[in-house]
Amino acid sequence: MPVPTLLLSILLTLLVAACGSPSPRSGSSPETIAQGSRQVSEKGNEVVFYALGLIGTGYRFGGKNPEAGLDCSGMVSYIYGRAAGLKVSGSAADIARHGRAIERAELRPGDLVFFNTQNRSFSHVGIFIGEARFIHAPSTNGKVRIDRLSDSYYASRFEAARAFFD
């Protein structure tokens, strides 16, 4: 196994272990998101594994594949299709219309989180990966990356969460 593949395998194993274990934090901090009664989804975990492999991929408006670059909805469409065999397409708002609305406290790995980043509803989407973190393709800084739901920018713009797996 090549070193980068081995390193990615180790990181993914650690992420799954972190997502499945209770958080050491207590209380009602914005960082704390309970997993609720929803079971962790195998497809959701596959989505997260695939998404982590795209960290650092360049941003491109309208981008739908890693070779050309990805925008937020293109990233979600690409990952859901490849990792879960689920066809989702269109803008972030289009994708939001097809998912099942869930409460923020019910988020689990692979669910989608939506934000109002352009003064219009559901203008940005990311994939929840656990521990109050999500992976997304923001135009700012131009690369697929991980951010926290509690970061002031995203916390003030969070709109909704949607599930596609059960």
N, C-alpha and C. Protein backbone atom coordinates (compact mmCIF):
# COMPACT_ATOMS: atom_id res chain seq x y z
N MET A 1 0.86 -1.19 0.00
CA MET A 1 0.00 0.00 0.00
C MET A 1 0.89 1.24 0.00
N PRO A 2 0.76 2.15 -0.96
CA PRO A 2 1.58 3.37 -0.97
C PRO A 2 1.37 4.18 0.30
N VAL A 3 2.39 4.94 0.66
CA VAL A 3 2.34 5.73 1.89
C VAL A 3 1.12 6.67 1.95
N PRO A 4 0.80 7.45 0.88
CA PRO A 4 -0.38 8.34 0.98
C PRO A 4 -1.67 7.55 1.23
N THR A 5 -1.81 6.38 0.60
CA THR A 5 -3.01 5.57 0.80
C THR A 5 -3.05 5.04 2.23
N LEU A 6 -1.91 4.60 2.74
CA LEU A 6 -1.83 4.13 4.11
C LEU A 6 -2.18 5.24 5.08
N LEU A 7 -1.63 6.44 4.86
CA LEU A 7 -1.91 7.58 5.72
C LEU A 7 -3.39 7.93 5.69
N LEU A 8 -4.00 7.93 4.49
CA LEU A 8 -5.43 8.22 4.37
C LEU A 8 -6.25 7.17 5.11
N SER A 9 -5.87 5.89 5.00
CA SER A 9 -6.58 4.82 5.70
C SER A 9 -6.53 5.01 7.21
N ILE A 10 -5.36 5.39 7.71
CA ILE A 10 -5.22 5.62 9.15
C ILE A 10 -6.08 6.80 9.59
N LEU A 11 -6.04 7.90 8.83
CA LEU A 11 -6.85 9.08 9.17
C LEU A 11 -8.34 8.76 9.16
N LEU A 12 -8.77 8.00 8.17
CA LEU A 12 -10.19 7.64 8.08
C LEU A 12 -10.60 6.76 9.26
N THR A 13 -9.75 5.83 9.64
CA THR A 13 -10.04 4.97 10.79
C THR A 13 -10.18 5.81 12.06
N LEU A 14 -9.28 6.76 12.24
CA LEU A 14 -9.34 7.63 13.41
C LEU A 14 -10.60 8.49 13.40
N LEU A 15 -11.00 8.99 12.23
CA LEU A 15 -12.21 9.80 12.12
C LEU A 15 -13.44 8.99 12.50
N VAL A 16 -13.53 7.76 11.98
CA VAL A 16 -14.69 6.93 12.31
C VAL A 16 -14.73 6.65 13.80
N ALA A 17 -13.58 6.38 14.38
CA ALA A 17 -13.53 6.14 15.82
C ALA A 17 -13.98 7.38 16.58
N ALA A 18 -13.58 8.56 16.12
CA ALA A 18 -13.97 9.80 16.79
C ALA A 18 -15.46 10.07 16.63
N CYS A 19 -15.99 9.75 15.45
CA CYS A 19 -17.41 10.00 15.20
C CYS A 19 -18.29 9.06 16.00
N GLY A 20 -17.80 7.87 16.29
CA GLY A 20 -18.62 6.89 16.99
C GLY A 20 -18.51 6.96 18.49
N SER A 21 -17.58 7.72 19.02
CA SER A 21 -17.42 7.78 20.46
C SER A 21 -18.04 9.05 21.00
N PRO A 22 -18.49 9.00 22.28
CA PRO A 22 -19.09 10.20 22.84
C PRO A 22 -18.08 11.33 22.97
N SER A 23 -18.54 12.53 22.82
CA SER A 23 -17.68 13.69 22.94
C SER A 23 -17.30 13.91 24.40
N PRO A 24 -16.04 14.27 24.67
CA PRO A 24 -15.65 14.54 26.04
C PRO A 24 -16.25 15.83 26.58
N ARG A 25 -16.77 16.68 25.69
CA ARG A 25 -17.38 17.92 26.14
C ARG A 25 -18.76 17.63 26.71
N SER A 26 -19.17 18.45 27.62
CA SER A 26 -20.52 18.30 28.16
C SER A 26 -21.22 19.64 28.12
N GLY A 27 -22.49 19.61 28.41
CA GLY A 27 -23.24 20.87 28.41
C GLY A 27 -23.85 21.15 27.06
N SER A 28 -24.26 22.40 26.87
CA SER A 28 -24.95 22.74 25.63
C SER A 28 -24.13 23.69 24.76
N SER A 29 -22.83 23.48 24.75
CA SER A 29 -21.95 24.29 23.91
C SER A 29 -22.36 24.16 22.45
N PRO A 30 -22.15 25.21 21.64
CA PRO A 30 -22.46 25.10 20.22
C PRO A 30 -21.66 24.00 19.53
N GLU A 31 -20.52 23.62 20.10
CA GLU A 31 -19.70 22.56 19.54
C GLU A 31 -20.36 21.20 19.71
N THR A 32 -21.22 21.07 20.72
CA THR A 32 -21.80 19.78 21.04
C THR A 32 -23.04 19.54 20.18
N ILE A 33 -22.99 18.46 19.43
CA ILE A 33 -24.16 18.06 18.66
C ILE A 33 -24.42 16.61 19.00
N ALA A 34 -25.54 16.36 19.64
CA ALA A 34 -25.90 15.00 20.01
C ALA A 34 -26.25 14.22 18.76
N GLN A 35 -26.01 12.93 18.77
CA GLN A 35 -26.35 12.11 17.64
C GLN A 35 -27.81 11.69 17.68
N GLY A 36 -28.52 12.01 18.77
CA GLY A 36 -29.94 11.70 18.85
C GLY A 36 -30.16 10.20 18.77
N SER A 37 -31.34 9.81 18.33
CA SER A 37 -31.67 8.40 18.27
C SER A 37 -31.38 7.79 16.91
N ARG A 38 -30.89 8.55 15.96
CA ARG A 38 -30.60 8.03 14.63
C ARG A 38 -29.33 7.18 14.65
N GLN A 39 -29.41 6.03 14.03
CA GLN A 39 -28.26 5.14 13.93
C GLN A 39 -27.26 5.69 12.91
N VAL A 40 -25.98 5.41 13.12
CA VAL A 40 -24.97 5.79 12.15
C VAL A 40 -25.22 4.95 10.89
N SER A 41 -25.14 5.59 9.75
CA SER A 41 -25.43 4.95 8.47
C SER A 41 -24.14 4.49 7.78
N GLU A 42 -24.13 3.27 7.26
CA GLU A 42 -22.98 2.78 6.51
C GLU A 42 -22.75 3.65 5.27
N LYS A 43 -23.83 4.00 4.58
CA LYS A 43 -23.69 4.87 3.40
C LYS A 43 -23.17 6.25 3.80
N GLY A 44 -23.63 6.76 4.94
CA GLY A 44 -23.14 8.05 5.42
C GLY A 44 -21.65 8.02 5.69
N ASN A 45 -21.18 6.93 6.30
CA ASN A 45 -19.74 6.79 6.55
C ASN A 45 -18.97 6.71 5.24
N GLU A 46 -19.50 6.00 4.24
CA GLU A 46 -18.84 5.92 2.94
C GLU A 46 -18.72 7.31 2.31
N VAL A 47 -19.78 8.10 2.45
CA VAL A 47 -19.77 9.47 1.93
C VAL A 47 -18.65 10.27 2.60
N VAL A 48 -18.53 10.16 3.91
CA VAL A 48 -17.49 10.89 4.64
C VAL A 48 -16.10 10.44 4.19
N PHE A 49 -15.88 9.12 4.08
CA PHE A 49 -14.57 8.62 3.64
C PHE A 49 -14.20 9.19 2.28
N TYR A 50 -15.15 9.16 1.37
CA TYR A 50 -14.90 9.66 0.01
C TYR A 50 -14.61 11.16 0.05
N ALA A 51 -15.39 11.89 0.83
CA ALA A 51 -15.22 13.34 0.92
C ALA A 51 -13.84 13.70 1.46
N LEU A 52 -13.36 12.97 2.44
CA LEU A 52 -12.04 13.27 3.01
C LEU A 52 -10.94 13.12 1.98
N GLY A 53 -11.12 12.22 1.03
CA GLY A 53 -10.14 12.04 -0.02
C GLY A 53 -10.08 13.21 -0.99
N LEU A 54 -11.05 14.10 -0.93
CA LEU A 54 -11.09 15.26 -1.83
C LEU A 54 -10.60 16.55 -1.19
N ILE A 55 -10.17 16.49 0.07
CA ILE A 55 -9.64 17.69 0.73
C ILE A 55 -8.48 18.24 -0.10
N GLY A 56 -8.52 19.55 -0.32
CA GLY A 56 -7.49 20.21 -1.10
C GLY A 56 -7.82 20.33 -2.57
N THR A 57 -8.91 19.68 -3.02
CA THR A 57 -9.32 19.81 -4.42
C THR A 57 -9.71 21.26 -4.69
N GLY A 58 -9.34 21.76 -5.84
CA GLY A 58 -9.61 23.15 -6.19
C GLY A 58 -11.08 23.46 -6.38
N TYR A 59 -11.43 24.71 -6.09
CA TYR A 59 -12.79 25.20 -6.27
C TYR A 59 -12.96 25.69 -7.71
N ARG A 60 -14.12 25.42 -8.28
CA ARG A 60 -14.49 25.99 -9.57
C ARG A 60 -15.99 26.16 -9.60
N PHE A 61 -16.47 27.35 -9.85
CA PHE A 61 -17.90 27.60 -9.93
C PHE A 61 -18.50 26.69 -11.01
N GLY A 62 -19.54 25.95 -10.65
CA GLY A 62 -20.18 25.02 -11.58
C GLY A 62 -19.43 23.71 -11.73
N GLY A 63 -18.32 23.56 -10.99
CA GLY A 63 -17.49 22.35 -11.11
C GLY A 63 -18.19 21.12 -10.57
N LYS A 64 -18.10 20.03 -11.33
CA LYS A 64 -18.80 18.80 -10.97
C LYS A 64 -17.88 17.59 -10.84
N ASN A 65 -16.58 17.77 -11.02
CA ASN A 65 -15.65 16.66 -10.82
C ASN A 65 -14.31 17.20 -10.33
N PRO A 66 -13.57 16.37 -9.61
CA PRO A 66 -12.32 16.85 -9.00
C PRO A 66 -11.26 17.28 -10.00
N GLU A 67 -11.24 16.69 -11.18
CA GLU A 67 -10.23 17.05 -12.17
C GLU A 67 -10.40 18.50 -12.63
N ALA A 68 -11.64 18.93 -12.82
CA ALA A 68 -11.92 20.29 -13.29
C ALA A 68 -12.07 21.27 -12.12
N GLY A 69 -12.36 20.77 -10.94
CA GLY A 69 -12.65 21.59 -9.77
C GLY A 69 -14.10 21.38 -9.38
N LEU A 70 -14.41 21.69 -8.13
CA LEU A 70 -15.73 21.46 -7.57
C LEU A 70 -16.29 22.72 -6.94
N ASP A 71 -17.60 22.92 -7.08
CA ASP A 71 -18.27 23.89 -6.22
C ASP A 71 -19.03 23.07 -5.19
N CYS A 72 -19.75 23.72 -4.28
CA CYS A 72 -20.35 22.99 -3.16
C CYS A 72 -21.36 21.94 -3.60
N SER A 73 -22.27 22.31 -4.48
CA SER A 73 -23.30 21.35 -4.91
C SER A 73 -22.70 20.29 -5.84
N GLY A 74 -21.72 20.67 -6.64
CA GLY A 74 -21.03 19.70 -7.48
C GLY A 74 -20.29 18.67 -6.65
N MET A 75 -19.67 19.12 -5.55
CA MET A 75 -18.98 18.21 -4.65
C MET A 75 -19.95 17.21 -4.06
N VAL A 76 -21.08 17.69 -3.54
CA VAL A 76 -22.08 16.80 -2.94
C VAL A 76 -22.60 15.81 -3.97
N SER A 77 -22.94 16.29 -5.16
CA SER A 77 -23.45 15.42 -6.22
C SER A 77 -22.43 14.33 -6.58
N TYR A 78 -21.19 14.75 -6.74
CA TYR A 78 -20.13 13.82 -7.11
C TYR A 78 -19.93 12.76 -6.03
N ILE A 79 -19.82 13.18 -4.78
CA ILE A 79 -19.57 12.25 -3.68
C ILE A 79 -20.76 11.32 -3.45
N TYR A 80 -21.96 11.87 -3.41
CA TYR A 80 -23.13 11.02 -3.19
C TYR A 80 -23.27 9.98 -4.32
N GLY A 81 -22.98 10.36 -5.54
CA GLY A 81 -23.07 9.42 -6.65
C GLY A 81 -22.02 8.33 -6.57
N ARG A 82 -20.76 8.72 -6.29
CA ARG A 82 -19.67 7.75 -6.26
C ARG A 82 -19.69 6.89 -4.99
N ALA A 83 -19.91 7.49 -3.85
CA ALA A 83 -19.79 6.76 -2.58
C ALA A 83 -21.06 6.04 -2.16
N ALA A 84 -22.22 6.58 -2.54
CA ALA A 84 -23.48 6.00 -2.06
C ALA A 84 -24.41 5.57 -3.20
N GLY A 85 -24.01 5.82 -4.43
CA GLY A 85 -24.86 5.44 -5.56
C GLY A 85 -26.17 6.20 -5.60
N LEU A 86 -26.18 7.40 -5.04
CA LEU A 86 -27.39 8.21 -4.98
C LEU A 86 -27.24 9.43 -5.88
N LYS A 87 -28.21 9.62 -6.75
CA LYS A 87 -28.16 10.75 -7.67
C LYS A 87 -28.83 11.97 -7.03
N VAL A 88 -28.04 12.98 -6.76
CA VAL A 88 -28.55 14.29 -6.34
C VAL A 88 -27.91 15.29 -7.28
N SER A 89 -28.67 16.26 -7.72
CA SER A 89 -28.10 17.22 -8.65
C SER A 89 -28.77 18.57 -8.51
N GLY A 90 -28.19 19.54 -9.21
CA GLY A 90 -28.71 20.89 -9.17
C GLY A 90 -27.97 21.73 -8.16
N SER A 91 -28.56 22.86 -7.84
CA SER A 91 -27.97 23.80 -6.89
C SER A 91 -28.13 23.27 -5.46
N ALA A 92 -27.52 23.96 -4.52
CA ALA A 92 -27.69 23.60 -3.11
C ALA A 92 -29.17 23.63 -2.74
N ALA A 93 -29.90 24.63 -3.22
CA ALA A 93 -31.34 24.73 -2.92
C ALA A 93 -32.10 23.56 -3.52
N ASP A 94 -31.74 23.13 -4.73
CA ASP A 94 -32.38 21.97 -5.35
C ASP A 94 -32.15 20.72 -4.52
N ILE A 95 -30.92 20.53 -4.08
CA ILE A 95 -30.57 19.36 -3.27
C ILE A 95 -31.35 19.39 -1.96
N ALA A 96 -31.47 20.55 -1.33
CA ALA A 96 -32.19 20.67 -0.06
C ALA A 96 -33.65 20.24 -0.20
N ARG A 97 -34.26 20.53 -1.33
CA ARG A 97 -35.67 20.17 -1.54
C ARG A 97 -35.91 18.67 -1.55
N HIS A 98 -34.87 17.88 -1.85
CA HIS A 98 -35.05 16.43 -1.97
C HIS A 98 -34.70 15.66 -0.71
N GLY A 99 -34.00 16.28 0.22
CA GLY A 99 -33.64 15.59 1.45
C GLY A 99 -34.75 15.65 2.48
N ARG A 100 -34.63 14.80 3.49
CA ARG A 100 -35.58 14.80 4.60
C ARG A 100 -35.07 15.75 5.68
N ALA A 101 -35.90 16.71 6.04
CA ALA A 101 -35.50 17.70 7.06
C ALA A 101 -35.24 16.99 8.39
N ILE A 102 -34.13 17.35 9.01
CA ILE A 102 -33.81 16.84 10.35
C ILE A 102 -33.37 18.01 11.21
N GLU A 103 -33.45 17.83 12.50
CA GLU A 103 -32.97 18.84 13.44
C GLU A 103 -31.45 18.79 13.51
N ARG A 104 -30.86 19.90 13.82
CA ARG A 104 -29.40 19.98 13.94
C ARG A 104 -28.87 18.95 14.95
N ALA A 105 -29.62 18.72 16.01
CA ALA A 105 -29.21 17.77 17.03
C ALA A 105 -29.23 16.32 16.52
N GLU A 106 -29.86 16.08 15.40
CA GLU A 106 -29.95 14.73 14.83
C GLU A 106 -28.88 14.44 13.78
N LEU A 107 -28.01 15.40 13.50
CA LEU A 107 -26.99 15.21 12.46
C LEU A 107 -26.13 13.99 12.75
N ARG A 108 -25.83 13.27 11.68
CA ARG A 108 -24.88 12.16 11.75
C ARG A 108 -24.02 12.21 10.49
N PRO A 109 -22.86 11.55 10.50
CA PRO A 109 -21.97 11.62 9.35
C PRO A 109 -22.67 11.26 8.03
N GLY A 110 -22.42 12.10 7.03
CA GLY A 110 -23.01 11.91 5.71
C GLY A 110 -24.23 12.78 5.45
N ASP A 111 -24.84 13.34 6.51
CA ASP A 111 -25.96 14.25 6.33
C ASP A 111 -25.46 15.56 5.73
N LEU A 112 -26.38 16.33 5.17
CA LEU A 112 -26.01 17.60 4.56
C LEU A 112 -26.41 18.77 5.43
N VAL A 113 -25.57 19.79 5.44
CA VAL A 113 -25.83 21.03 6.17
C VAL A 113 -25.89 22.17 5.15
N PHE A 114 -26.85 23.07 5.36
CA PHE A 114 -27.11 24.15 4.40
C PHE A 114 -26.98 25.51 5.07
N PHE A 115 -26.49 26.47 4.29
CA PHE A 115 -26.21 27.80 4.80
C PHE A 115 -26.73 28.86 3.84
N ASN A 116 -26.98 30.05 4.38
CA ASN A 116 -27.32 31.22 3.59
C ASN A 116 -26.05 32.07 3.53
N THR A 117 -25.29 31.92 2.45
CA THR A 117 -24.02 32.64 2.34
C THR A 117 -24.06 33.75 1.30
N GLN A 118 -25.16 33.85 0.55
CA GLN A 118 -25.24 34.87 -0.50
C GLN A 118 -26.56 35.64 -0.41
N ASN A 119 -27.02 35.84 0.79
CA ASN A 119 -28.30 36.52 1.03
C ASN A 119 -29.46 35.86 0.30
N ARG A 120 -29.38 34.54 0.18
CA ARG A 120 -30.51 33.77 -0.32
C ARG A 120 -30.46 32.38 0.32
N SER A 121 -31.64 31.86 0.58
CA SER A 121 -31.74 30.58 1.28
C SER A 121 -31.03 29.47 0.52
N PHE A 122 -30.43 28.59 1.30
CA PHE A 122 -29.80 27.38 0.78
C PHE A 122 -28.81 27.67 -0.36
N SER A 123 -27.94 28.65 -0.15
CA SER A 123 -26.97 29.01 -1.18
C SER A 123 -25.64 28.26 -1.04
N HIS A 124 -25.46 27.50 0.04
CA HIS A 124 -24.23 26.73 0.23
C HIS A 124 -24.56 25.44 0.95
N VAL A 125 -23.85 24.35 0.59
CA VAL A 125 -24.08 23.04 1.19
C VAL A 125 -22.75 22.39 1.52
N GLY A 126 -22.75 21.61 2.61
CA GLY A 126 -21.59 20.83 3.00
C GLY A 126 -22.04 19.49 3.54
N ILE A 127 -21.09 18.61 3.77
CA ILE A 127 -21.36 17.27 4.29
C ILE A 127 -20.89 17.20 5.73
N PHE A 128 -21.81 16.88 6.64
CA PHE A 128 -21.48 16.74 8.04
C PHE A 128 -20.59 15.51 8.22
N ILE A 129 -19.47 15.66 8.96
CA ILE A 129 -18.56 14.53 9.16
C ILE A 129 -18.47 14.09 10.61
N GLY A 130 -19.14 14.79 11.51
CA GLY A 130 -19.10 14.43 12.93
C GLY A 130 -18.37 15.47 13.75
N GLU A 131 -18.58 15.41 15.07
CA GLU A 131 -17.90 16.33 15.99
C GLU A 131 -18.06 17.80 15.59
N ALA A 132 -19.26 18.16 15.12
CA ALA A 132 -19.60 19.54 14.75
C ALA A 132 -18.77 20.07 13.58
N ARG A 133 -18.26 19.17 12.74
CA ARG A 133 -17.45 19.56 11.59
C ARG A 133 -18.16 19.18 10.29
N PHE A 134 -17.84 19.89 9.23
CA PHE A 134 -18.37 19.56 7.92
C PHE A 134 -17.31 19.82 6.86
N ILE A 135 -17.42 19.13 5.75
CA ILE A 135 -16.50 19.30 4.64
C ILE A 135 -17.28 19.96 3.51
N HIS A 136 -16.65 20.90 2.84
CA HIS A 136 -17.35 21.65 1.80
C HIS A 136 -16.36 22.25 0.82
N ALA A 137 -16.92 22.81 -0.27
CA ALA A 137 -16.11 23.44 -1.31
C ALA A 137 -16.46 24.92 -1.35
N PRO A 138 -15.87 25.72 -0.46
CA PRO A 138 -16.17 27.15 -0.46
C PRO A 138 -15.37 27.89 -1.54
N SER A 139 -15.95 28.96 -2.05
CA SER A 139 -15.21 29.75 -3.04
C SER A 139 -14.07 30.52 -2.37
N THR A 140 -14.24 30.88 -1.10
CA THR A 140 -13.19 31.56 -0.35
C THR A 140 -12.04 30.59 -0.09
N ASN A 141 -10.85 30.97 -0.40
CA ASN A 141 -9.63 30.16 -0.29
C ASN A 141 -9.58 29.03 -1.30
N GLY A 142 -10.62 28.84 -2.09
CA GLY A 142 -10.60 28.00 -3.26
C GLY A 142 -10.25 26.54 -3.17
N LYS A 143 -10.48 25.89 -2.03
CA LYS A 143 -10.16 24.46 -1.89
C LYS A 143 -11.21 23.77 -1.01
N VAL A 144 -11.44 22.47 -1.30
CA VAL A 144 -12.29 21.66 -0.43
C VAL A 144 -11.60 21.58 0.91
N ARG A 145 -12.37 21.83 1.98
CA ARG A 145 -11.77 21.85 3.32
C ARG A 145 -12.81 21.50 4.39
N ILE A 146 -12.34 21.37 5.61
CA ILE A 146 -13.19 21.10 6.77
C ILE A 146 -13.31 22.37 7.59
N ASP A 147 -14.53 22.67 8.01
CA ASP A 147 -14.78 23.78 8.94
C ASP A 147 -15.71 23.29 10.04
N ARG A 148 -15.90 24.14 11.04
CA ARG A 148 -16.78 23.82 12.17
C ARG A 148 -18.10 24.57 12.05
N LEU A 149 -19.17 23.89 12.43
CA LEU A 149 -20.48 24.55 12.45
C LEU A 149 -20.50 25.71 13.43
N SER A 150 -19.64 25.67 14.43
CA SER A 150 -19.61 26.73 15.44
C SER A 150 -18.76 27.93 15.04
N ASP A 151 -18.00 27.84 13.94
CA ASP A 151 -17.25 29.01 13.48
C ASP A 151 -18.26 30.14 13.28
N SER A 152 -17.93 31.33 13.72
CA SER A 152 -18.92 32.42 13.73
C SER A 152 -19.55 32.64 12.36
N TYR A 153 -18.78 32.56 11.29
CA TYR A 153 -19.32 32.77 9.95
C TYR A 153 -20.42 31.75 9.64
N TYR A 154 -20.14 30.48 9.87
CA TYR A 154 -21.11 29.43 9.53
C TYR A 154 -22.23 29.33 10.55
N ALA A 155 -21.93 29.56 11.81
CA ALA A 155 -22.98 29.51 12.85
C ALA A 155 -24.07 30.54 12.57
N SER A 156 -23.68 31.72 12.13
CA SER A 156 -24.67 32.77 11.89
C SER A 156 -25.43 32.57 10.57
N ARG A 157 -24.94 31.69 9.73
CA ARG A 157 -25.57 31.47 8.42
C ARG A 157 -26.21 30.09 8.26
N PHE A 158 -26.11 29.26 9.30
CA PHE A 158 -26.70 27.91 9.25
C PHE A 158 -28.20 28.01 9.04
N GLU A 159 -28.73 27.23 8.11
CA GLU A 159 -30.17 27.24 7.83
C GLU A 159 -30.87 25.94 8.15
N ALA A 160 -30.30 24.82 7.73
CA ALA A 160 -31.02 23.56 7.87
C ALA A 160 -30.09 22.38 7.68
N ALA A 161 -30.61 21.22 8.04
CA ALA A 161 -29.91 19.95 7.81
C ALA A 161 -30.87 19.01 7.10
N ARG A 162 -30.32 18.17 6.25
CA ARG A 162 -31.13 17.20 5.51
C ARG A 162 -30.45 15.84 5.55
N ALA A 163 -31.27 14.79 5.62
CA ALA A 163 -30.79 13.42 5.60
C ALA A 163 -31.22 12.75 4.30
N PHE A 164 -30.37 11.90 3.79
CA PHE A 164 -30.68 11.12 2.59
C PHE A 164 -30.56 9.63 2.85
N PHE A 165 -30.06 9.23 4.03
CA PHE A 165 -29.85 7.82 4.36
C PHE A 165 -30.59 7.45 5.64
N ASP A 166 -31.04 6.22 5.70
CA ASP A 166 -31.58 5.68 6.96
C ASP A 166 -31.24 4.26 7.19
